[in-house]
Amino acid sequence: MFGIGMPEMLLILAIALIVIGPKKLPDLAKSLGRAFAEFKRATSELKESLEIDDELKDIKTTFNGMSDEIKEAINVKAGTEPEDQNVSADFDKEKSENEIKDKDLESPLSDG
């Protein structure tokens, strides 16, 4: 235990008994025991929390992988590649912008 043998432990206890006194020594020992127990509990909770975080990261990477596989399967089934979808989306966006511009130009002129 911490590399301290029996003679060293007896010497430490004798010095503690002299310095602290026989009346307060049991209270001090009880307080130290509670402090060590609290420290042990806190470290175990931290360790458990870190393990949960690691498990959540593993689950997240698994779901991301599944998501990528599903997207690829949908693209293959639909017969389109992601690049084709981007071109189509750009065309649709450009078309809707042109329609909005045309409506803005027609509205003020048709009333006058």
PDB file of N, CA and C in Angstrom:
ATOM      1  N   MET A   1       0.841  -1.194   0.000  1.00  0.00           N
ATOM      2  CA  MET A   1       0.000   0.000   0.000  1.00  0.00           C
ATOM      3  C   MET A   1       0.874   1.241   0.000  1.00  0.00           C
ATOM      4  N   PHE A   2       1.011   1.899  -1.123  1.00  0.00           N
ATOM      5  CA  PHE A   2       1.791   3.110  -1.306  1.00  0.00           C
ATOM      6  C   PHE A   2       3.268   2.925  -0.966  1.00  0.00           C
ATOM      7  N   GLY A   3       3.766   1.706  -0.902  1.00  0.00           N
ATOM      8  CA  GLY A   3       5.167   1.460  -0.592  1.00  0.00           C
ATOM      9  C   GLY A   3       5.534   1.767   0.847  1.00  0.00           C
ATOM     10  N   ILE A   4       4.544   1.819   1.732  1.00  0.00           N
ATOM     11  CA  ILE A   4       4.790   2.110   3.152  1.00  0.00           C
ATOM     12  C   ILE A   4       4.645   0.800   3.917  1.00  0.00           C
ATOM     13  N   GLY A   5       5.692   0.472   4.685  1.00  0.00           N
ATOM     14  CA  GLY A   5       5.657  -0.749   5.475  1.00  0.00           C
ATOM     15  C   GLY A   5       5.029  -0.515   6.832  1.00  0.00           C
ATOM     16  N   MET A   6       4.977  -1.568   7.636  1.00  0.00           N
ATOM     17  CA  MET A   6       4.378  -1.478   8.970  1.00  0.00           C
ATOM     18  C   MET A   6       5.126  -0.512   9.885  1.00  0.00           C
ATOM     19  N   PRO A   7       6.460  -0.503   9.925  1.00  0.00           N
ATOM     20  CA  PRO A   7       7.142   0.451  10.817  1.00  0.00           C
ATOM     21  C   PRO A   7       6.842   1.911  10.458  1.00  0.00           C
ATOM     22  N   GLU A   8       6.767   2.207   9.159  1.00  0.00           N
ATOM     23  CA  GLU A   8       6.462   3.579   8.747  1.00  0.00           C
ATOM     24  C   GLU A   8       5.046   3.971   9.151  1.00  0.00           C
ATOM     25  N   MET A   9       4.103   3.035   8.999  1.00  0.00           N
ATOM     26  CA  MET A   9       2.712   3.313   9.385  1.00  0.00           C
ATOM     27  C   MET A   9       2.611   3.603  10.884  1.00  0.00           C
ATOM     28  N   LEU A  10       3.303   2.811  11.702  1.00  0.00           N
ATOM     29  CA  LEU A  10       3.285   3.037  13.155  1.00  0.00           C
ATOM     30  C   LEU A  10       3.882   4.384  13.507  1.00  0.00           C
ATOM     31  N   LEU A  11       4.947   4.775  12.836  1.00  0.00           N
ATOM     32  CA  LEU A  11       5.559   6.072  13.101  1.00  0.00           C
ATOM     33  C   LEU A  11       4.609   7.210  12.733  1.00  0.00           C
ATOM     34  N   ILE A  12       3.929   7.090  11.575  1.00  0.00           N
ATOM     35  CA  ILE A  12       2.973   8.126  11.160  1.00  0.00           C
ATOM     36  C   ILE A  12       1.815   8.214  12.152  1.00  0.00           C
ATOM     37  N   LEU A  13       1.289   7.069  12.585  1.00  0.00           N
ATOM     38  CA  LEU A  13       0.187   7.084  13.557  1.00  0.00           C
ATOM     39  C   LEU A  13       0.626   7.682  14.886  1.00  0.00           C
ATOM     40  N   ALA A  14       1.848   7.387  15.333  1.00  0.00           N
ATOM     41  CA  ALA A  14       2.343   7.942  16.597  1.00  0.00           C
ATOM     42  C   ALA A  14       2.481   9.454  16.504  1.00  0.00           C
ATOM     43  N   ILE A  15       2.988   9.946  15.383  1.00  0.00           N
ATOM     44  CA  ILE A  15       3.125  11.404  15.211  1.00  0.00           C
ATOM     45  C   ILE A  15       1.747  12.044  15.135  1.00  0.00           C
ATOM     46  N   ALA A  16       0.813  11.430  14.432  1.00  0.00           N
ATOM     47  CA  ALA A  16      -0.550  11.967  14.341  1.00  0.00           C
ATOM     48  C   ALA A  16      -1.208  11.988  15.710  1.00  0.00           C
ATOM     49  N   LEU A  17      -0.980  10.958  16.496  1.00  0.00           N
ATOM     50  CA  LEU A  17      -1.562  10.904  17.835  1.00  0.00           C
ATOM     51  C   LEU A  17      -1.007  12.024  18.712  1.00  0.00           C
ATOM     52  N   ILE A  18       0.274  12.302  18.583  1.00  0.00           N
ATOM     53  CA  ILE A  18       0.893  13.366  19.377  1.00  0.00           C
ATOM     54  C   ILE A  18       0.427  14.734  18.902  1.00  0.00           C
ATOM     55  N   VAL A  19       0.421  14.962  17.590  1.00  0.00           N
ATOM     56  CA  VAL A  19       0.085  16.278  17.042  1.00  0.00           C
ATOM     57  C   VAL A  19      -1.402  16.581  17.169  1.00  0.00           C
ATOM     58  N   ILE A  20      -2.249  15.648  16.812  1.00  0.00           N
ATOM     59  CA  ILE A  20      -3.695  15.896  16.785  1.00  0.00           C
ATOM     60  C   ILE A  20      -4.326  15.661  18.146  1.00  0.00           C
ATOM     61  N   GLY A  21      -3.886  14.655  18.815  1.00  0.00           N
ATOM     62  CA  GLY A  21      -4.464  14.344  20.119  1.00  0.00           C
ATOM     63  C   GLY A  21      -5.404  13.171  20.035  1.00  0.00           C
ATOM     64  N   PRO A  22      -5.559  12.443  21.128  1.00  0.00           N
ATOM     65  CA  PRO A  22      -6.379  11.231  21.123  1.00  0.00           C
ATOM     66  C   PRO A  22      -7.872  11.493  20.966  1.00  0.00           C
ATOM     67  N   LYS A  23      -8.343  12.683  21.317  1.00  0.00           N
ATOM     68  CA  LYS A  23      -9.783  12.960  21.224  1.00  0.00           C
ATOM     69  C   LYS A  23     -10.219  13.243  19.793  1.00  0.00           C
ATOM     70  N   LYS A  24      -9.381  13.926  19.017  1.00  0.00           N
ATOM     71  CA  LYS A  24      -9.779  14.323  17.668  1.00  0.00           C
ATOM     72  C   LYS A  24      -9.313  13.350  16.592  1.00  0.00           C
ATOM     73  N   LEU A  25      -8.466  12.407  16.940  1.00  0.00           N
ATOM     74  CA  LEU A  25      -7.951  11.462  15.956  1.00  0.00           C
ATOM     75  C   LEU A  25      -9.057  10.605  15.320  1.00  0.00           C
ATOM     76  N   PRO A  26     -10.018  10.064  16.091  1.00  0.00           N
ATOM     77  CA  PRO A  26     -11.099   9.291  15.450  1.00  0.00           C
ATOM     78  C   PRO A  26     -11.958  10.127  14.498  1.00  0.00           C
ATOM     79  N   ASP A  27     -12.211  11.381  14.859  1.00  0.00           N
ATOM     80  CA  ASP A  27     -12.993  12.254  13.979  1.00  0.00           C
ATOM     81  C   ASP A  27     -12.245  12.534  12.680  1.00  0.00           C
ATOM     82  N   LEU A  28     -10.929  12.735  12.811  1.00  0.00           N
ATOM     83  CA  LEU A  28     -10.118  12.972  11.627  1.00  0.00           C
ATOM     84  C   LEU A  28     -10.100  11.742  10.721  1.00  0.00           C
ATOM     85  N   ALA A  29      -9.960  10.575  11.318  1.00  0.00           N
ATOM     86  CA  ALA A  29      -9.958   9.330  10.540  1.00  0.00           C
ATOM     87  C   ALA A  29     -11.303   9.133   9.827  1.00  0.00           C
ATOM     88  N   LYS A  30     -12.390   9.447  10.513  1.00  0.00           N
ATOM     89  CA  LYS A  30     -13.719   9.326   9.912  1.00  0.00           C
ATOM     90  C   LYS A  30     -13.879  10.297   8.740  1.00  0.00           C
ATOM     91  N   SER A  31     -13.392  11.513   8.926  1.00  0.00           N
ATOM     92  CA  SER A  31     -13.471  12.513   7.853  1.00  0.00           C
ATOM     93  C   SER A  31     -12.636  12.101   6.652  1.00  0.00           C
ATOM     94  N   LEU A  32     -11.450  11.573   6.899  1.00  0.00           N
ATOM     95  CA  LEU A  32     -10.606  11.104   5.802  1.00  0.00           C
ATOM     96  C   LEU A  32     -11.263   9.936   5.067  1.00  0.00           C
ATOM     97  N   GLY A  33     -11.873   9.031   5.810  1.00  0.00           N
ATOM     98  CA  GLY A  33     -12.570   7.903   5.186  1.00  0.00           C
ATOM     99  C   GLY A  33     -13.707   8.363   4.295  1.00  0.00           C
ATOM    100  N   ARG A  34     -14.482   9.340   4.772  1.00  0.00           N
ATOM    101  CA  ARG A  34     -15.576   9.882   3.959  1.00  0.00           C
ATOM    102  C   ARG A  34     -15.045  10.586   2.711  1.00  0.00           C
ATOM    103  N   ALA A  35     -13.942  11.332   2.879  1.00  0.00           N
ATOM    104  CA  ALA A  35     -13.363  12.049   1.739  1.00  0.00           C
ATOM    105  C   ALA A  35     -12.876  11.056   0.681  1.00  0.00           C
ATOM    106  N   PHE A  36     -12.207   9.978   1.097  1.00  0.00           N
ATOM    107  CA  PHE A  36     -11.745   8.970   0.149  1.00  0.00           C
ATOM    108  C   PHE A  36     -12.923   8.277  -0.533  1.00  0.00           C
ATOM    109  N   ALA A  37     -13.980   8.001   0.211  1.00  0.00           N
ATOM    110  CA  ALA A  37     -15.160   7.357  -0.380  1.00  0.00           C
ATOM    111  C   ALA A  37     -15.808   8.273  -1.425  1.00  0.00           C
ATOM    112  N   GLU A  38     -15.903   9.561  -1.102  1.00  0.00           N
ATOM    113  CA  GLU A  38     -16.480  10.520  -2.043  1.00  0.00           C
ATOM    114  C   GLU A  38     -15.616  10.635  -3.290  1.00  0.00           C
ATOM    115  N   PHE A  39     -14.313  10.666  -3.102  1.00  0.00           N
ATOM    116  CA  PHE A  39     -13.393  10.741  -4.238  1.00  0.00           C
ATOM    117  C   PHE A  39     -13.536   9.508  -5.127  1.00  0.00           C
ATOM    118  N   LYS A  40     -13.635   8.344  -4.505  1.00  0.00           N
ATOM    119  CA  LYS A  40     -13.783   7.104  -5.261  1.00  0.00           C
ATOM    120  C   LYS A  40     -15.098   7.104  -6.044  1.00  0.00           C
ATOM    121  N   ARG A  41     -16.172   7.588  -5.422  1.00  0.00           N
ATOM    122  CA  ARG A  41     -17.474   7.646  -6.079  1.00  0.00           C
ATOM    123  C   ARG A  41     -17.427   8.615  -7.270  1.00  0.00           C
ATOM    124  N   ALA A  42     -16.783   9.768  -7.069  1.00  0.00           N
ATOM    125  CA  ALA A  42     -16.699  10.755  -8.153  1.00  0.00           C
ATOM    126  C   ALA A  42     -15.880  10.225  -9.322  1.00  0.00           C
ATOM    127  N   THR A  43     -14.789   9.556  -9.042  1.00  0.00           N
ATOM    128  CA  THR A  43     -13.975   9.013 -10.133  1.00  0.00           C
ATOM    129  C   THR A  43     -14.710   7.899 -10.875  1.00  0.00           C
ATOM    130  N   SER A  44     -15.473   7.096 -10.153  1.00  0.00           N
ATOM    131  CA  SER A  44     -16.223   6.033 -10.833  1.00  0.00           C
ATOM    132  C   SER A  44     -17.323   6.628 -11.705  1.00  0.00           C
ATOM    133  N   GLU A  45     -17.975   7.710 -11.261  1.00  0.00           N
ATOM    134  CA  GLU A  45     -18.991   8.364 -12.075  1.00  0.00           C
ATOM    135  C   GLU A  45     -18.365   8.983 -13.321  1.00  0.00           C
ATOM    136  N   LEU A  46     -17.195   9.586 -13.172  1.00  0.00           N
ATOM    137  CA  LEU A  46     -16.511  10.172 -14.315  1.00  0.00           C
ATOM    138  C   LEU A  46     -16.116   9.093 -15.317  1.00  0.00           C
ATOM    139  N   LYS A  47     -15.607   7.997 -14.803  1.00  0.00           N
ATOM    140  CA  LYS A  47     -15.216   6.880 -15.670  1.00  0.00           C
ATOM    141  C   LYS A  47     -16.429   6.339 -16.418  1.00  0.00           C
ATOM    142  N   GLU A  48     -17.551   6.205 -15.740  1.00  0.00           N
ATOM    143  CA  GLU A  48     -18.777   5.716 -16.366  1.00  0.00           C
ATOM    144  C   GLU A  48     -19.259   6.686 -17.433  1.00  0.00           C
ATOM    145  N   SER A  49     -19.158   7.974 -17.152  1.00  0.00           N
ATOM    146  CA  SER A  49     -19.564   8.992 -18.108  1.00  0.00           C
ATOM    147  C   SER A  49     -18.699   8.929 -19.371  1.00  0.00           C
ATOM    148  N   LEU A  50     -17.414   8.748 -19.198  1.00  0.00           N
ATOM    149  CA  LEU A  50     -16.518   8.649 -20.350  1.00  0.00           C
ATOM    150  C   LEU A  50     -16.812   7.399 -21.172  1.00  0.00           C
ATOM    151  N   GLU A  51     -17.144   6.302 -20.506  1.00  0.00           N
ATOM    152  CA  GLU A  51     -17.486   5.078 -21.223  1.00  0.00           C
ATOM    153  C   GLU A  51     -18.766   5.267 -22.028  1.00  0.00           C
ATOM    154  N   ILE A  52     -19.733   5.975 -21.458  1.00  0.00           N
ATOM    155  CA  ILE A  52     -20.988   6.243 -22.173  1.00  0.00           C
ATOM    156  C   ILE A  52     -20.715   7.115 -23.391  1.00  0.00           C
ATOM    157  N   ASP A  53     -19.833   8.129 -23.234  1.00  0.00           N
ATOM    158  CA  ASP A  53     -19.492   8.977 -24.369  1.00  0.00           C
ATOM    159  C   ASP A  53     -18.851   8.167 -25.490  1.00  0.00           C
ATOM    160  N   ASP A  54     -17.960   7.252 -25.135  1.00  0.00           N
ATOM    161  CA  ASP A  54     -17.326   6.409 -26.146  1.00  0.00           C
ATOM    162  C   ASP A  54     -18.358   5.546 -26.858  1.00  0.00           C
ATOM    163  N   GLU A  55     -19.295   4.997 -26.110  1.00  0.00           N
ATOM    164  CA  GLU A  55     -20.341   4.165 -26.717  1.00  0.00           C
ATOM    165  C   GLU A  55     -21.216   4.989 -27.650  1.00  0.00           C
ATOM    166  N   LEU A  56     -21.536   6.226 -27.242  1.00  0.00           N
ATOM    167  CA  LEU A  56     -22.355   7.085 -28.091  1.00  0.00           C
ATOM    168  C   LEU A  56     -21.627   7.452 -29.376  1.00  0.00           C
ATOM    169  N   LYS A  57     -20.318   7.665 -29.299  1.00  0.00           N
ATOM    170  CA  LYS A  57     -19.548   7.959 -30.501  1.00  0.00           C
ATOM    171  C   LYS A  57     -19.567   6.772 -31.446  1.00  0.00           C
ATOM    172  N   ASP A  58     -19.440   5.569 -30.895  1.00  0.00           N
ATOM    173  CA  ASP A  58     -19.487   4.368 -31.722  1.00  0.00           C
ATOM    174  C   ASP A  58     -20.841   4.238 -32.412  1.00  0.00           C
ATOM    175  N   ILE A  59     -21.896   4.496 -31.677  1.00  0.00           N
ATOM    176  CA  ILE A  59     -23.245   4.407 -32.236  1.00  0.00           C
ATOM    177  C   ILE A  59     -23.428   5.463 -33.333  1.00  0.00           C
ATOM    178  N   LYS A  60     -22.922   6.667 -33.085  1.00  0.00           N
ATOM    179  CA  LYS A  60     -23.059   7.740 -34.066  1.00  0.00           C
ATOM    180  C   LYS A  60     -22.331   7.395 -35.357  1.00  0.00           C
ATOM    181  N   THR A  61     -21.123   6.858 -35.255  1.00  0.00           N
ATOM    182  CA  THR A  61     -20.393   6.487 -36.471  1.00  0.00           C
ATOM    183  C   THR A  61     -21.117   5.359 -37.207  1.00  0.00           C
ATOM    184  N   THR A  62     -21.726   4.446 -36.462  1.00  0.00           N
ATOM    185  CA  THR A  62     -22.477   3.368 -37.092  1.00  0.00           C
ATOM    186  C   THR A  62     -23.670   3.923 -37.869  1.00  0.00           C
ATOM    187  N   PHE A  63     -24.416   4.844 -37.242  1.00  0.00           N
ATOM    188  CA  PHE A  63     -25.571   5.439 -37.919  1.00  0.00           C
ATOM    189  C   PHE A  63     -25.142   6.272 -39.121  1.00  0.00           C
ATOM    190  N   ASN A  64     -24.027   6.983 -39.011  1.00  0.00           N
ATOM    191  CA  ASN A  64     -23.544   7.760 -40.158  1.00  0.00           C
ATOM    192  C   ASN A  64     -23.183   6.832 -41.311  1.00  0.00           C
ATOM    193  N   GLY A  65     -22.556   5.713 -40.992  1.00  0.00           N
ATOM    194  CA  GLY A  65     -22.225   4.735 -42.031  1.00  0.00           C
ATOM    195  C   GLY A  65     -23.473   4.163 -42.675  1.00  0.00           C
ATOM    196  N   MET A  66     -24.464   3.852 -41.848  1.00  0.00           N
ATOM    197  CA  MET A  66     -25.723   3.331 -42.385  1.00  0.00           C
ATOM    198  C   MET A  66     -26.399   4.377 -43.262  1.00  0.00           C
ATOM    199  N   SER A  67     -26.358   5.628 -42.857  1.00  0.00           N
ATOM    200  CA  SER A  67     -26.970   6.707 -43.628  1.00  0.00           C
ATOM    201  C   SER A  67     -26.313   6.829 -44.994  1.00  0.00           C
ATOM    202  N   ASP A  68     -24.977   6.756 -45.011  1.00  0.00           N
ATOM    203  CA  ASP A  68     -24.271   6.829 -46.290  1.00  0.00           C
ATOM    204  C   ASP A  68     -24.638   5.654 -47.188  1.00  0.00           C
ATOM    205  N   GLU A  69     -24.730   4.464 -46.611  1.00  0.00           N
ATOM    206  CA  GLU A  69     -25.088   3.287 -47.394  1.00  0.00           C
ATOM    207  C   GLU A  69     -26.502   3.402 -47.953  1.00  0.00           C
ATOM    208  N   ILE A  70     -27.412   3.937 -47.157  1.00  0.00           N
ATOM    209  CA  ILE A  70     -28.797   4.105 -47.617  1.00  0.00           C
ATOM    210  C   ILE A  70     -28.861   5.114 -48.760  1.00  0.00           C
ATOM    211  N   LYS A  71     -28.122   6.218 -48.618  1.00  0.00           N
ATOM    212  CA  LYS A  71     -28.104   7.224 -49.685  1.00  0.00           C
ATOM    213  C   LYS A  71     -27.555   6.634 -50.978  1.00  0.00           C
ATOM    214  N   GLU A  72     -26.491   5.856 -50.871  1.00  0.00           N
ATOM    215  CA  GLU A  72     -25.926   5.230 -52.059  1.00  0.00           C
ATOM    216  C   GLU A  72     -26.917   4.258 -52.685  1.00  0.00           C
ATOM    217  N   ALA A  73     -27.611   3.491 -51.844  1.00  0.00           N
ATOM    218  CA  ALA A  73     -28.583   2.531 -52.363  1.00  0.00           C
ATOM    219  C   ALA A  73     -29.732   3.247 -53.070  1.00  0.00           C
ATOM    220  N   ILE A  74     -30.172   4.350 -52.520  1.00  0.00           N
ATOM    221  CA  ILE A  74     -31.255   5.120 -53.145  1.00  0.00           C
ATOM    222  C   ILE A  74     -30.800   5.692 -54.472  1.00  0.00           C
ATOM    223  N   ASN A  75     -29.557   6.196 -54.507  1.00  0.00           N
ATOM    224  CA  ASN A  75     -29.037   6.747 -55.762  1.00  0.00           C
ATOM    225  C   ASN A  75     -28.916   5.668 -56.827  1.00  0.00           C
ATOM    226  N   VAL A  76     -28.454   4.495 -56.464  1.00  0.00           N
ATOM    227  CA  VAL A  76     -28.315   3.401 -57.415  1.00  0.00           C
ATOM    228  C   VAL A  76     -29.683   2.941 -57.887  1.00  0.00           C
ATOM    229  N   LYS A  77     -30.642   2.841 -56.968  1.00  0.00           N
ATOM    230  CA  LYS A  77     -31.988   2.390 -57.316  1.00  0.00           C
ATOM    231  C   LYS A  77     -32.680   3.396 -58.235  1.00  0.00           C
ATOM    232  N   ALA A  78     -32.459   4.691 -57.961  1.00  0.00           N
ATOM    233  CA  ALA A  78     -33.082   5.723 -58.783  1.00  0.00           C
ATOM    234  C   ALA A  78     -32.360   5.880 -60.111  1.00  0.00           C
ATOM    235  N   GLY A  79     -31.167   5.320 -60.218  1.00  0.00           N
ATOM    236  CA  GLY A  79     -30.433   5.404 -61.470  1.00  0.00           C
ATOM    237  C   GLY A  79     -29.724   6.726 -61.653  1.00  0.00           C
ATOM    238  N   THR A  80     -29.536   7.461 -60.589  1.00  0.00           N
ATOM    239  CA  THR A  80     -28.842   8.735 -60.682  1.00  0.00           C
ATOM    240  C   THR A  80     -27.640   8.715 -59.759  1.00  0.00           C
ATOM    241  N   GLU A  81     -26.669   9.455 -60.144  1.00  0.00           N
ATOM    242  CA  GLU A  81     -25.487   9.643 -59.312  1.00  0.00           C
ATOM    243  C   GLU A  81     -25.651  10.955 -58.555  1.00  0.00           C
ATOM    244  N   PRO A  82     -24.955  11.149 -57.472  1.00  0.00           N
ATOM    245  CA  PRO A  82     -25.073  12.410 -56.727  1.00  0.00           C
ATOM    246  C   PRO A  82     -24.772  13.633 -57.581  1.00  0.00           C
ATOM    247  N   GLU A  83     -23.840  13.505 -58.556  1.00  0.00           N
ATOM    248  CA  GLU A  83     -23.533  14.648 -59.413  1.00  0.00           C
ATOM    249  C   GLU A  83     -24.737  15.015 -60.263  1.00  0.00           C
ATOM    250  N   ASP A  84     -25.472  14.002 -60.768  1.00  0.00           N
ATOM    251  CA  ASP A  84     -26.667  14.250 -61.568  1.00  0.00           C
ATOM    252  C   ASP A  84     -27.717  14.980 -60.752  1.00  0.00           C
ATOM    253  N   GLN A  85     -27.856  14.618 -59.504  1.00  0.00           N
ATOM    254  CA  GLN A  85     -28.834  15.269 -58.640  1.00  0.00           C
ATOM    255  C   GLN A  85     -28.456  16.723 -58.397  1.00  0.00           C
ATOM    256  N   ASN A  86     -27.163  17.013 -58.262  1.00  0.00           N
ATOM    257  CA  ASN A  86     -26.727  18.391 -58.047  1.00  0.00           C
ATOM    258  C   ASN A  86     -27.014  19.243 -59.276  1.00  0.00           C
ATOM    259  N   VAL A  87     -26.795  18.706 -60.486  1.00  0.00           N
ATOM    260  CA  VAL A  87     -27.079  19.434 -61.715  1.00  0.00           C
ATOM    261  C   VAL A  87     -28.572  19.702 -61.806  1.00  0.00           C
ATOM    262  N   SER A  88     -29.376  18.703 -61.487  1.00  0.00           N
ATOM    263  CA  SER A  88     -30.824  18.865 -61.527  1.00  0.00           C
ATOM    264  C   SER A  88     -31.278  19.911 -60.516  1.00  0.00           C
ATOM    265  N   ALA A  89     -30.712  19.883 -59.337  1.00  0.00           N
ATOM    266  CA  ALA A  89     -31.090  20.849 -58.304  1.00  0.00           C
ATOM    267  C   ALA A  89     -30.690  22.256 -58.726  1.00  0.00           C
ATOM    268  N   ASP A  90     -29.515  22.411 -59.346  1.00  0.00           N
ATOM    269  CA  ASP A  90     -29.083  23.723 -59.816  1.00  0.00           C
ATOM    270  C   ASP A  90     -30.021  24.234 -60.912  1.00  0.00           C
ATOM    271  N   PHE A  91     -30.439  23.340 -61.812  1.00  0.00           N
ATOM    272  CA  PHE A  91     -31.356  23.725 -62.885  1.00  0.00           C
ATOM    273  C   PHE A  91     -32.691  24.180 -62.304  1.00  0.00           C
ATOM    274  N   ASP A  92     -33.226  23.431 -61.339  1.00  0.00           N
ATOM    275  CA  ASP A  92     -34.499  23.786 -60.704  1.00  0.00           C
ATOM    276  C   ASP A  92     -34.397  25.122 -59.990  1.00  0.00           C
ATOM    277  N   LYS A  93     -33.285  25.354 -59.335  1.00  0.00           N
ATOM    278  CA  LYS A  93     -33.086  26.607 -58.605  1.00  0.00           C
ATOM    279  C   LYS A  93     -33.040  27.781 -59.581  1.00  0.00           C
ATOM    280  N   GLU A  94     -32.311  27.603 -60.671  1.00  0.00           N
ATOM    281  CA  GLU A  94     -32.205  28.663 -61.678  1.00  0.00           C
ATOM    282  C   GLU A  94     -33.564  28.934 -62.321  1.00  0.00           C
ATOM    283  N   LYS A  95     -34.309  27.886 -62.566  1.00  0.00           N
ATOM    284  CA  LYS A  95     -35.632  28.019 -63.171  1.00  0.00           C
ATOM    285  C   LYS A  95     -36.581  28.791 -62.249  1.00  0.00           C
ATOM    286  N   SER A  96     -36.566  28.462 -60.944  1.00  0.00           N
ATOM    287  CA  SER A  96     -37.454  29.156 -60.007  1.00  0.00           C
ATOM    288  C   SER A  96     -37.042  30.611 -59.834  1.00  0.00           C
ATOM    289  N   GLU A  97     -35.752  30.899 -59.879  1.00  0.00           N
ATOM    290  CA  GLU A  97     -35.303  32.296 -59.790  1.00  0.00           C
ATOM    291  C   GLU A  97     -35.774  33.100 -60.997  1.00  0.00           C
ATOM    292  N   ASN A  98     -35.710  32.490 -62.168  1.00  0.00           N
ATOM    293  CA  ASN A  98     -36.174  33.173 -63.380  1.00  0.00           C
ATOM    294  C   ASN A  98     -37.672  33.425 -63.330  1.00  0.00           C
ATOM    295  N   GLU A  99     -38.429  32.484 -62.809  1.00  0.00           N
ATOM    296  CA  GLU A  99     -39.877  32.662 -62.687  1.00  0.00           C
ATOM    297  C   GLU A  99     -40.201  33.809 -61.737  1.00  0.00           C
ATOM    298  N   ILE A 100     -39.465  33.912 -60.655  1.00  0.00           N
ATOM    299  CA  ILE A 100     -39.694  35.002 -59.698  1.00  0.00           C
ATOM    300  C   ILE A 100     -39.377  36.342 -60.348  1.00  0.00           C
ATOM    301  N   LYS A 101     -38.290  36.408 -61.104  1.00  0.00           N
ATOM    302  CA  LYS A 101     -37.929  37.656 -61.782  1.00  0.00           C
ATOM    303  C   LYS A 101     -39.011  38.045 -62.786  1.00  0.00           C
ATOM    304  N   ASP A 102     -39.520  37.061 -63.527  1.00  0.00           N
ATOM    305  CA  ASP A 102     -40.561  37.332 -64.520  1.00  0.00           C
ATOM    306  C   ASP A 102     -41.832  37.854 -63.849  1.00  0.00           C
ATOM    307  N   LYS A 103     -42.198  37.287 -62.718  1.00  0.00           N
ATOM    308  CA  LYS A 103     -43.404  37.743 -62.006  1.00  0.00           C
ATOM    309  C   LYS A 103     -43.212  39.158 -61.489  1.00  0.00           C
ATOM    310  N   ASP A 104     -42.016  39.482 -61.000  1.00  0.00           N
ATOM    311  CA  ASP A 104     -41.745  40.826 -60.494  1.00  0.00           C
ATOM    312  C   ASP A 104     -41.812  41.855 -61.613  1.00  0.00           C
ATOM    313  N   LEU A 105     -41.374  41.473 -62.801  1.00  0.00           N
ATOM    314  CA  LEU A 105     -41.412  42.416 -63.935  1.00  0.00           C
ATOM    315  C   LEU A 105     -42.810  42.595 -64.466  1.00  0.00           C
ATOM    316  N   GLU A 106     -43.620  41.575 -64.458  1.00  0.00           N
ATOM    317  CA  GLU A 106     -44.973  41.638 -65.006  1.00  0.00           C
ATOM    318  C   GLU A 106     -45.939  42.379 -64.083  1.00  0.00           C
ATOM    319  N   SER A 107     -45.825  42.269 -62.829  1.00  0.00           N
ATOM    320  CA  SER A 107     -46.807  42.820 -61.892  1.00  0.00           C
ATOM    321  C   SER A 107     -46.960  44.333 -62.006  1.00  0.00           C
ATOM    322  N   PRO A 108     -45.921  45.139 -61.930  1.00  0.00           N
ATOM    323  CA  PRO A 108     -46.150  46.599 -61.985  1.00  0.00           C
ATOM    324  C   PRO A 108     -46.602  47.078 -63.360  1.00  0.00           C
ATOM    325  N   LEU A 109     -46.195  46.436 -64.432  1.00  0.00           N
ATOM    326  CA  LEU A 109     -46.539  46.897 -65.757  1.00  0.00           C
ATOM    327  C   LEU A 109     -47.975  46.575 -66.152  1.00  0.00           C
ATOM    328  N   SER A 110     -48.494  45.451 -65.664  1.00  0.00           N
ATOM    329  CA  SER A 110     -49.833  45.042 -66.062  1.00  0.00           C
ATOM    330  C   SER A 110     -50.904  45.933 -65.428  1.00  0.00           C
ATOM    331  N   ASP A 111     -50.617  46.552 -64.283  1.00  0.00           N
ATOM    332  CA  ASP A 111     -51.612  47.403 -63.637  1.00  0.00           C
ATOM    333  C   ASP A 111     -51.683  48.769 -64.300  1.00  0.00           C
ATOM    334  N   GLY A 112     -50.598  49.225 -64.908  1.00  0.00           N
ATOM    335  CA  GLY A 112     -50.513  50.599 -65.401  1.00  0.00           C
ATOM    336  C   GLY A 112     -51.000  50.746 -66.744  1.00  0.00           C
TER     337      GLY A 112
END
